[in-house]
Amino acid sequence: MELEERGGTLVITRLPVEQMGALSLGLVLTDQEGTVLRALLEGKKVQVLDSGLEYKDYRRCAALGIYQKFMALERGLREMGICVVRDRHR
């Protein structure tokens, strides 16, 4: 996972599938996951770049069931307060 601080907002620029699963369950397995979960609990703004969601790299080849599972995990992240935003550079 890659994190940046941008004007008071914590931005996740790259979110691997393993860490996406852990975050969606509220698990802290790495320092980065802890940083994100603490920010959410403290009411800070957290965003993830749409282009940084690794699971989307597998859209054309993943089995439908697993891809839909990750789509559900993305919805779960949104429900937790993480905003999915488009990368201005793409």
PDB file of N, CA and C in Angstrom:
ATOM      1  N   MET A   1       0.842  -1.170   0.000  1.00  0.00           N
ATOM      2  CA  MET A   1       0.000   0.000   0.000  1.00  0.00           C
ATOM      3  C   MET A   1       0.888   1.233   0.000  1.00  0.00           C
ATOM      4  N   GLU A   2       0.508   2.196  -0.803  1.00  0.00           N
ATOM      5  CA  GLU A   2       1.236   3.455  -0.845  1.00  0.00           C
ATOM      6  C   GLU A   2       0.311   4.572  -0.397  1.00  0.00           C
ATOM      7  N   LEU A   3       0.796   5.387   0.555  1.00  0.00           N
ATOM      8  CA  LEU A   3       0.010   6.469   1.135  1.00  0.00           C
ATOM      9  C   LEU A   3       0.686   7.808   0.898  1.00  0.00           C
ATOM     10  N   GLU A   4      -0.132   8.845   0.728  1.00  0.00           N
ATOM     11  CA  GLU A   4       0.357  10.220   0.638  1.00  0.00           C
ATOM     12  C   GLU A   4      -0.569  11.114   1.442  1.00  0.00           C
ATOM     13  N   GLU A   5      -0.007  12.159   1.994  1.00  0.00           N
ATOM     14  CA  GLU A   5      -0.794  13.186   2.673  1.00  0.00           C
ATOM     15  C   GLU A   5      -0.919  14.352   1.698  1.00  0.00           C
ATOM     16  N   ARG A   6      -2.159  14.705   1.355  1.00  0.00           N
ATOM     17  CA  ARG A   6      -2.405  15.796   0.406  1.00  0.00           C
ATOM     18  C   ARG A   6      -3.384  16.786   1.016  1.00  0.00           C
ATOM     19  N   GLY A   7      -2.851  17.877   1.509  1.00  0.00           N
ATOM     20  CA  GLY A   7      -3.709  18.926   2.063  1.00  0.00           C
ATOM     21  C   GLY A   7      -4.655  18.466   3.149  1.00  0.00           C
ATOM     22  N   GLY A   8      -4.178  17.678   4.068  1.00  0.00           N
ATOM     23  CA  GLY A   8      -5.007  17.206   5.168  1.00  0.00           C
ATOM     24  C   GLY A   8      -5.808  15.950   4.855  1.00  0.00           C
ATOM     25  N   THR A   9      -5.703  15.439   3.650  1.00  0.00           N
ATOM     26  CA  THR A   9      -6.396  14.215   3.251  1.00  0.00           C
ATOM     27  C   THR A   9      -5.378  13.098   3.098  1.00  0.00           C
ATOM     28  N   LEU A  10      -5.692  11.954   3.650  1.00  0.00           N
ATOM     29  CA  LEU A  10      -4.847  10.783   3.481  1.00  0.00           C
ATOM     30  C   LEU A  10      -5.273  10.110   2.176  1.00  0.00           C
ATOM     31  N   VAL A  11      -4.341   9.969   1.233  1.00  0.00           N
ATOM     32  CA  VAL A  11      -4.657   9.407  -0.075  1.00  0.00           C
ATOM     33  C   VAL A  11      -3.909   8.088  -0.242  1.00  0.00           C
ATOM     34  N   ILE A  12      -4.670   7.047  -0.550  1.00  0.00           N
ATOM     35  CA  ILE A  12      -4.094   5.737  -0.860  1.00  0.00           C
ATOM     36  C   ILE A  12      -3.880   5.723  -2.365  1.00  0.00           C
ATOM     37  N   THR A  13      -2.619   5.724  -2.783  1.00  0.00           N
ATOM     38  CA  THR A  13      -2.331   5.783  -4.212  1.00  0.00           C
ATOM     39  C   THR A  13      -2.212   4.400  -4.841  1.00  0.00           C
ATOM     40  N   ARG A  14      -1.958   3.393  -4.031  1.00  0.00           N
ATOM     41  CA  ARG A  14      -1.899   2.003  -4.524  1.00  0.00           C
ATOM     42  C   ARG A  14      -2.423   1.099  -3.424  1.00  0.00           C
ATOM     43  N   LEU A  15      -3.428   0.284  -3.763  1.00  0.00           N
ATOM     44  CA  LEU A  15      -4.030  -0.622  -2.790  1.00  0.00           C
ATOM     45  C   LEU A  15      -4.040  -2.046  -3.350  1.00  0.00           C
ATOM     46  N   PRO A  16      -3.051  -2.858  -2.936  1.00  0.00           N
ATOM     47  CA  PRO A  16      -2.999  -4.251  -3.373  1.00  0.00           C
ATOM     48  C   PRO A  16      -4.215  -5.040  -2.870  1.00  0.00           C
ATOM     49  N   VAL A  17      -4.520  -6.123  -3.562  1.00  0.00           N
ATOM     50  CA  VAL A  17      -5.705  -6.912  -3.220  1.00  0.00           C
ATOM     51  C   VAL A  17      -5.649  -7.443  -1.782  1.00  0.00           C
ATOM     52  N   GLU A  18      -4.465  -7.849  -1.332  1.00  0.00           N
ATOM     53  CA  GLU A  18      -4.358  -8.390   0.029  1.00  0.00           C
ATOM     54  C   GLU A  18      -4.732  -7.344   1.079  1.00  0.00           C
ATOM     55  N   GLN A  19      -4.236  -6.149   0.900  1.00  0.00           N
ATOM     56  CA  GLN A  19      -4.520  -5.102   1.876  1.00  0.00           C
ATOM     57  C   GLN A  19      -5.941  -4.568   1.736  1.00  0.00           C
ATOM     58  N   MET A  20      -6.505  -4.642   0.552  1.00  0.00           N
ATOM     59  CA  MET A  20      -7.900  -4.248   0.374  1.00  0.00           C
ATOM     60  C   MET A  20      -8.802  -5.157   1.202  1.00  0.00           C
ATOM     61  N   GLY A  21      -8.520  -6.455   1.157  1.00  0.00           N
ATOM     62  CA  GLY A  21      -9.295  -7.399   1.953  1.00  0.00           C
ATOM     63  C   GLY A  21      -9.163  -7.139   3.446  1.00  0.00           C
ATOM     64  N   ALA A  22      -7.939  -6.910   3.899  1.00  0.00           N
ATOM     65  CA  ALA A  22      -7.708  -6.656   5.325  1.00  0.00           C
ATOM     66  C   ALA A  22      -8.411  -5.374   5.775  1.00  0.00           C
ATOM     67  N   LEU A  23      -8.263  -4.302   5.003  1.00  0.00           N
ATOM     68  CA  LEU A  23      -8.906  -3.035   5.365  1.00  0.00           C
ATOM     69  C   LEU A  23     -10.412  -3.167   5.451  1.00  0.00           C
ATOM     70  N   SER A  24     -10.995  -3.858   4.487  1.00  0.00           N
ATOM     71  CA  SER A  24     -12.453  -3.986   4.467  1.00  0.00           C
ATOM     72  C   SER A  24     -12.973  -4.727   5.694  1.00  0.00           C
ATOM     73  N   LEU A  25     -12.115  -5.549   6.311  1.00  0.00           N
ATOM     74  CA  LEU A  25     -12.486  -6.271   7.535  1.00  0.00           C
ATOM     75  C   LEU A  25     -12.065  -5.526   8.804  1.00  0.00           C
ATOM     76  N   GLY A  26     -11.396  -4.384   8.633  1.00  0.00           N
ATOM     77  CA  GLY A  26     -10.919  -3.632   9.787  1.00  0.00           C
ATOM     78  C   GLY A  26      -9.698  -4.239  10.442  1.00  0.00           C
ATOM     79  N   LEU A  27      -8.962  -5.082   9.704  1.00  0.00           N
ATOM     80  CA  LEU A  27      -7.770  -5.728  10.237  1.00  0.00           C
ATOM     81  C   LEU A  27      -6.544  -4.852  10.049  1.00  0.00           C
ATOM     82  N   VAL A  28      -5.667  -4.877  11.026  1.00  0.00           N
ATOM     83  CA  VAL A  28      -4.406  -4.150  10.936  1.00  0.00           C
ATOM     84  C   VAL A  28      -3.282  -5.175  10.919  1.00  0.00           C
ATOM     85  N   LEU A  29      -2.748  -5.406   9.723  1.00  0.00           N
ATOM     86  CA  LEU A  29      -1.638  -6.342   9.563  1.00  0.00           C
ATOM     87  C   LEU A  29      -0.339  -5.609   9.245  1.00  0.00           C
ATOM     88  N   THR A  30      -0.448  -4.352   8.820  1.00  0.00           N
ATOM     89  CA  THR A  30       0.724  -3.537   8.500  1.00  0.00           C
ATOM     90  C   THR A  30       0.548  -2.147   9.093  1.00  0.00           C
ATOM     91  N   ASP A  31       1.642  -1.393   9.159  1.00  0.00           N
ATOM     92  CA  ASP A  31       1.571  -0.016   9.657  1.00  0.00           C
ATOM     93  C   ASP A  31       0.657   0.845   8.792  1.00  0.00           C
ATOM     94  N   GLN A  32       0.670   0.606   7.467  1.00  0.00           N
ATOM     95  CA  GLN A  32      -0.163   1.402   6.573  1.00  0.00           C
ATOM     96  C   GLN A  32      -1.652   1.178   6.856  1.00  0.00           C
ATOM     97  N   GLU A  33      -2.039  -0.055   7.066  1.00  0.00           N
ATOM     98  CA  GLU A  33      -3.437  -0.339   7.392  1.00  0.00           C
ATOM     99  C   GLU A  33      -3.819   0.342   8.699  1.00  0.00           C
ATOM    100  N   GLY A  34      -2.929   0.318   9.669  1.00  0.00           N
ATOM    101  CA  GLY A  34      -3.182   1.005  10.936  1.00  0.00           C
ATOM    102  C   GLY A  34      -3.349   2.498  10.748  1.00  0.00           C
ATOM    103  N   THR A  35      -2.526   3.083   9.886  1.00  0.00           N
ATOM    104  CA  THR A  35      -2.623   4.518   9.612  1.00  0.00           C
ATOM    105  C   THR A  35      -3.984   4.865   9.011  1.00  0.00           C
ATOM    106  N   VAL A  36      -4.426   4.055   8.052  1.00  0.00           N
ATOM    107  CA  VAL A  36      -5.715   4.305   7.401  1.00  0.00           C
ATOM    108  C   VAL A  36      -6.863   4.151   8.396  1.00  0.00           C
ATOM    109  N   LEU A  37      -6.866   3.069   9.153  1.00  0.00           N
ATOM    110  CA  LEU A  37      -7.960   2.835  10.094  1.00  0.00           C
ATOM    111  C   LEU A  37      -7.989   3.890  11.196  1.00  0.00           C
ATOM    112  N   ARG A  38      -6.825   4.304  11.689  1.00  0.00           N
ATOM    113  CA  ARG A  38      -6.792   5.370  12.694  1.00  0.00           C
ATOM    114  C   ARG A  38      -7.340   6.667  12.132  1.00  0.00           C
ATOM    115  N   ALA A  39      -6.964   6.991  10.892  1.00  0.00           N
ATOM    116  CA  ALA A  39      -7.457   8.220  10.260  1.00  0.00           C
ATOM    117  C   ALA A  39      -8.984   8.194  10.165  1.00  0.00           C
ATOM    118  N   LEU A  40      -9.538   7.056   9.770  1.00  0.00           N
ATOM    119  CA  LEU A  40     -10.995   6.944   9.678  1.00  0.00           C
ATOM    120  C   LEU A  40     -11.648   7.102  11.050  1.00  0.00           C
ATOM    121  N   LEU A  41     -11.073   6.450  12.053  1.00  0.00           N
ATOM    122  CA  LEU A  41     -11.630   6.545  13.404  1.00  0.00           C
ATOM    123  C   LEU A  41     -11.537   7.958  13.964  1.00  0.00           C
ATOM    124  N   GLU A  42     -10.524   8.704  13.539  1.00  0.00           N
ATOM    125  CA  GLU A  42     -10.347  10.085  13.999  1.00  0.00           C
ATOM    126  C   GLU A  42     -11.156  11.078  13.165  1.00  0.00           C
ATOM    127  N   GLY A  43     -11.911  10.577  12.193  1.00  0.00           N
ATOM    128  CA  GLY A  43     -12.765  11.441  11.390  1.00  0.00           C
ATOM    129  C   GLY A  43     -12.052  12.195  10.287  1.00  0.00           C
ATOM    130  N   LYS A  44     -10.852  11.750   9.942  1.00  0.00           N
ATOM    131  CA  LYS A  44     -10.103  12.410   8.882  1.00  0.00           C
ATOM    132  C   LYS A  44     -10.585  11.925   7.515  1.00  0.00           C
ATOM    133  N   LYS A  45     -10.348  12.730   6.496  1.00  0.00           N
ATOM    134  CA  LYS A  45     -10.741  12.381   5.137  1.00  0.00           C
ATOM    135  C   LYS A  45      -9.722  11.396   4.557  1.00  0.00           C
ATOM    136  N   VAL A  46     -10.231  10.285   4.024  1.00  0.00           N
ATOM    137  CA  VAL A  46      -9.383   9.265   3.413  1.00  0.00           C
ATOM    138  C   VAL A  46      -9.908   8.994   2.009  1.00  0.00           C
ATOM    139  N   GLN A  47      -9.009   8.991   1.047  1.00  0.00           N
ATOM    140  CA  GLN A  47      -9.363   8.707  -0.339  1.00  0.00           C
ATOM    141  C   GLN A  47      -8.477   7.596  -0.865  1.00  0.00           C
ATOM    142  N   VAL A  48      -8.999   6.868  -1.854  1.00  0.00           N
ATOM    143  CA  VAL A  48      -8.192   5.899  -2.594  1.00  0.00           C
ATOM    144  C   VAL A  48      -8.359   6.236  -4.070  1.00  0.00           C
ATOM    145  N   LEU A  49      -7.252   6.244  -4.793  1.00  0.00           N
ATOM    146  CA  LEU A  49      -7.317   6.511  -6.221  1.00  0.00           C
ATOM    147  C   LEU A  49      -7.901   5.302  -6.933  1.00  0.00           C
ATOM    148  N   ASP A  50      -8.877   5.543  -7.786  1.00  0.00           N
ATOM    149  CA  ASP A  50      -9.487   4.469  -8.568  1.00  0.00           C
ATOM    150  C   ASP A  50      -8.415   3.701  -9.339  1.00  0.00           C
ATOM    151  N   SER A  51      -7.450   4.427  -9.885  1.00  0.00           N
ATOM    152  CA  SER A  51      -6.369   3.790 -10.648  1.00  0.00           C
ATOM    153  C   SER A  51      -5.418   2.991  -9.763  1.00  0.00           C
ATOM    154  N   GLY A  52      -5.510   3.164  -8.450  1.00  0.00           N
ATOM    155  CA  GLY A  52      -4.646   2.457  -7.519  1.00  0.00           C
ATOM    156  C   GLY A  52      -5.239   1.169  -6.977  1.00  0.00           C
ATOM    157  N   LEU A  53      -6.484   0.875  -7.340  1.00  0.00           N
ATOM    158  CA  LEU A  53      -7.130  -0.356  -6.883  1.00  0.00           C
ATOM    159  C   LEU A  53      -6.632  -1.516  -7.742  1.00  0.00           C
ATOM    160  N   GLU A  54      -5.737  -2.313  -7.181  1.00  0.00           N
ATOM    161  CA  GLU A  54      -5.083  -3.377  -7.952  1.00  0.00           C
ATOM    162  C   GLU A  54      -6.069  -4.357  -8.569  1.00  0.00           C
ATOM    163  N   TYR A  55      -7.159  -4.658  -7.881  1.00  0.00           N
ATOM    164  CA  TYR A  55      -8.072  -5.666  -8.412  1.00  0.00           C
ATOM    165  C   TYR A  55      -8.600  -5.292  -9.794  1.00  0.00           C
ATOM    166  N   LYS A  56      -8.669  -4.008 -10.093  1.00  0.00           N
ATOM    167  CA  LYS A  56      -9.181  -3.572 -11.396  1.00  0.00           C
ATOM    168  C   LYS A  56      -8.224  -3.928 -12.535  1.00  0.00           C
ATOM    169  N   ASP A  57      -6.977  -4.209 -12.207  1.00  0.00           N
ATOM    170  CA  ASP A  57      -6.012  -4.645 -13.227  1.00  0.00           C
ATOM    171  C   ASP A  57      -6.385  -6.021 -13.792  1.00  0.00           C
ATOM    172  N   TYR A  58      -7.216  -6.759 -13.076  1.00  0.00           N
ATOM    173  CA  TYR A  58      -7.574  -8.126 -13.457  1.00  0.00           C
ATOM    174  C   TYR A  58      -8.977  -8.221 -14.064  1.00  0.00           C
ATOM    175  N   ARG A  59      -9.547  -7.092 -14.413  1.00  0.00           N
ATOM    176  CA  ARG A  59     -10.929  -7.057 -14.906  1.00  0.00           C
ATOM    177  C   ARG A  59     -11.162  -8.001 -16.077  1.00  0.00           C
ATOM    178  N   ARG A  60     -10.231  -8.067 -16.991  1.00  0.00           N
ATOM    179  CA  ARG A  60     -10.419  -8.862 -18.214  1.00  0.00           C
ATOM    180  C   ARG A  60     -10.135 -10.355 -18.039  1.00  0.00           C
ATOM    181  N   CYS A  61      -9.404 -10.740 -16.991  1.00  0.00           N
ATOM    182  CA  CYS A  61      -9.019 -12.148 -16.885  1.00  0.00           C
ATOM    183  C   CYS A  61      -9.539 -12.857 -15.639  1.00  0.00           C
ATOM    184  N   ALA A  62      -9.966 -12.122 -14.608  1.00  0.00           N
ATOM    185  CA  ALA A  62     -10.414 -12.757 -13.365  1.00  0.00           C
ATOM    186  C   ALA A  62     -11.757 -13.457 -13.563  1.00  0.00           C
ATOM    187  N   ALA A  63     -11.942 -14.529 -12.829  1.00  0.00           N
ATOM    188  CA  ALA A  63     -13.249 -15.187 -12.807  1.00  0.00           C
ATOM    189  C   ALA A  63     -14.280 -14.196 -12.266  1.00  0.00           C
ATOM    190  N   LEU A  64     -15.475 -14.249 -12.814  1.00  0.00           N
ATOM    191  CA  LEU A  64     -16.521 -13.294 -12.463  1.00  0.00           C
ATOM    192  C   LEU A  64     -16.778 -13.249 -10.961  1.00  0.00           C
ATOM    193  N   GLY A  65     -16.825 -14.403 -10.319  1.00  0.00           N
ATOM    194  CA  GLY A  65     -17.129 -14.454  -8.889  1.00  0.00           C
ATOM    195  C   GLY A  65     -16.123 -13.710  -8.031  1.00  0.00           C
ATOM    196  N   ILE A  66     -14.842 -13.908  -8.302  1.00  0.00           N
ATOM    197  CA  ILE A  66     -13.812 -13.223  -7.499  1.00  0.00           C
ATOM    198  C   ILE A  66     -13.804 -11.729  -7.796  1.00  0.00           C
ATOM    199  N   TYR A  67     -14.036 -11.366  -9.049  1.00  0.00           N
ATOM    200  CA  TYR A  67     -14.070  -9.944  -9.391  1.00  0.00           C
ATOM    201  C   TYR A  67     -15.249  -9.260  -8.686  1.00  0.00           C
ATOM    202  N   GLN A  68     -16.382  -9.930  -8.668  1.00  0.00           N
ATOM    203  CA  GLN A  68     -17.548  -9.366  -7.975  1.00  0.00           C
ATOM    204  C   GLN A  68     -17.293  -9.259  -6.475  1.00  0.00           C
ATOM    205  N   LYS A  69     -16.532 -10.200  -5.932  1.00  0.00           N
ATOM    206  CA  LYS A  69     -16.178 -10.140  -4.503  1.00  0.00           C
ATOM    207  C   LYS A  69     -15.382  -8.869  -4.212  1.00  0.00           C
ATOM    208  N   PHE A  70     -14.425  -8.548  -5.093  1.00  0.00           N
ATOM    209  CA  PHE A  70     -13.635  -7.335  -4.875  1.00  0.00           C
ATOM    210  C   PHE A  70     -14.449  -6.069  -5.112  1.00  0.00           C
ATOM    211  N   MET A  71     -15.420  -6.137  -6.003  1.00  0.00           N
ATOM    212  CA  MET A  71     -16.326  -4.999  -6.168  1.00  0.00           C
ATOM    213  C   MET A  71     -17.106  -4.760  -4.869  1.00  0.00           C
ATOM    214  N   ALA A  72     -17.507  -5.844  -4.218  1.00  0.00           N
ATOM    215  CA  ALA A  72     -18.208  -5.733  -2.938  1.00  0.00           C
ATOM    216  C   ALA A  72     -17.282  -5.177  -1.858  1.00  0.00           C
ATOM    217  N   LEU A  73     -16.007  -5.590  -1.883  1.00  0.00           N
ATOM    218  CA  LEU A  73     -15.048  -5.038  -0.922  1.00  0.00           C
ATOM    219  C   LEU A  73     -14.877  -3.541  -1.136  1.00  0.00           C
ATOM    220  N   GLU A  74     -14.862  -3.107  -2.391  1.00  0.00           N
ATOM    221  CA  GLU A  74     -14.765  -1.672  -2.683  1.00  0.00           C
ATOM    222  C   GLU A  74     -15.980  -0.933  -2.106  1.00  0.00           C
ATOM    223  N   ARG A  75     -17.166  -1.498  -2.275  1.00  0.00           N
ATOM    224  CA  ARG A  75     -18.366  -0.885  -1.677  1.00  0.00           C
ATOM    225  C   ARG A  75     -18.221  -0.804  -0.159  1.00  0.00           C
ATOM    226  N   GLY A  76     -17.660  -1.856   0.442  1.00  0.00           N
ATOM    227  CA  GLY A  76     -17.441  -1.852   1.886  1.00  0.00           C
ATOM    228  C   GLY A  76     -16.494  -0.746   2.330  1.00  0.00           C
ATOM    229  N   LEU A  77     -15.444  -0.516   1.554  1.00  0.00           N
ATOM    230  CA  LEU A  77     -14.522   0.575   1.876  1.00  0.00           C
ATOM    231  C   LEU A  77     -15.234   1.919   1.816  1.00  0.00           C
ATOM    232  N   ARG A  78     -16.095   2.082   0.814  1.00  0.00           N
ATOM    233  CA  ARG A  78     -16.876   3.323   0.704  1.00  0.00           C
ATOM    234  C   ARG A  78     -17.776   3.498   1.922  1.00  0.00           C
ATOM    235  N   GLU A  79     -18.401   2.413   2.354  1.00  0.00           N
ATOM    236  CA  GLU A  79     -19.280   2.471   3.524  1.00  0.00           C
ATOM    237  C   GLU A  79     -18.508   2.828   4.786  1.00  0.00           C
ATOM    238  N   MET A  80     -17.228   2.464   4.835  1.00  0.00           N
ATOM    239  CA  MET A  80     -16.376   2.798   5.983  1.00  0.00           C
ATOM    240  C   MET A  80     -15.960   4.263   5.968  1.00  0.00           C
ATOM    241  N   GLY A  81     -16.151   4.935   4.844  1.00  0.00           N
ATOM    242  CA  GLY A  81     -15.793   6.343   4.759  1.00  0.00           C
ATOM    243  C   GLY A  81     -14.631   6.651   3.837  1.00  0.00           C
ATOM    244  N   ILE A  82     -14.143   5.649   3.112  1.00  0.00           N
ATOM    245  CA  ILE A  82     -13.055   5.874   2.161  1.00  0.00           C
ATOM    246  C   ILE A  82     -13.675   6.272   0.821  1.00  0.00           C
ATOM    247  N   CYS A  83     -13.295   7.436   0.322  1.00  0.00           N
ATOM    248  CA  CYS A  83     -13.813   7.922  -0.963  1.00  0.00           C
ATOM    249  C   CYS A  83     -12.924   7.416  -2.089  1.00  0.00           C
ATOM    250  N   VAL A  84     -13.548   6.840  -3.116  1.00  0.00           N
ATOM    251  CA  VAL A  84     -12.813   6.408  -4.305  1.00  0.00           C
ATOM    252  C   VAL A  84     -12.863   7.561  -5.300  1.00  0.00           C
ATOM    253  N   VAL A  85     -11.680   8.046  -5.685  1.00  0.00           N
ATOM    254  CA  VAL A  85     -11.610   9.214  -6.562  1.00  0.00           C
ATOM    255  C   VAL A  85     -10.813   8.886  -7.817  1.00  0.00           C
ATOM    256  N   ARG A  86     -11.140   9.583  -8.881  1.00  0.00           N
ATOM    257  CA  ARG A  86     -10.394   9.424 -10.129  1.00  0.00           C
ATOM    258  C   ARG A  86      -9.076  10.152 -10.016  1.00  0.00           C
ATOM    259  N   ASP A  87      -8.051   9.555 -10.572  1.00  0.00           N
ATOM    260  CA  ASP A  87      -6.735  10.150 -10.590  1.00  0.00           C
ATOM    261  C   ASP A  87      -6.717  11.243 -11.662  1.00  0.00           C
ATOM    262  N   ARG A  88      -6.364  12.446 -11.285  1.00  0.00           N
ATOM    263  CA  ARG A  88      -6.333  13.578 -12.226  1.00  0.00           C
ATOM    264  C   ARG A  88      -5.307  13.391 -13.316  1.00  0.00           C
ATOM    265  N   HIS A  89      -4.330  12.537 -13.096  1.00  0.00           N
ATOM    266  CA  HIS A  89      -3.243  12.355 -14.049  1.00  0.00           C
ATOM    267  C   HIS A  89      -3.546  11.296 -15.091  1.00  0.00           C
ATOM    268  N   ARG A  90      -4.706  10.664 -15.052  1.00  0.00           N
ATOM    269  CA  ARG A  90      -5.051   9.604 -16.006  1.00  0.00           C
ATOM    270  C   ARG A  90      -6.080  10.079 -16.964  1.00  0.00           C
TER     271      ARG A  90
END
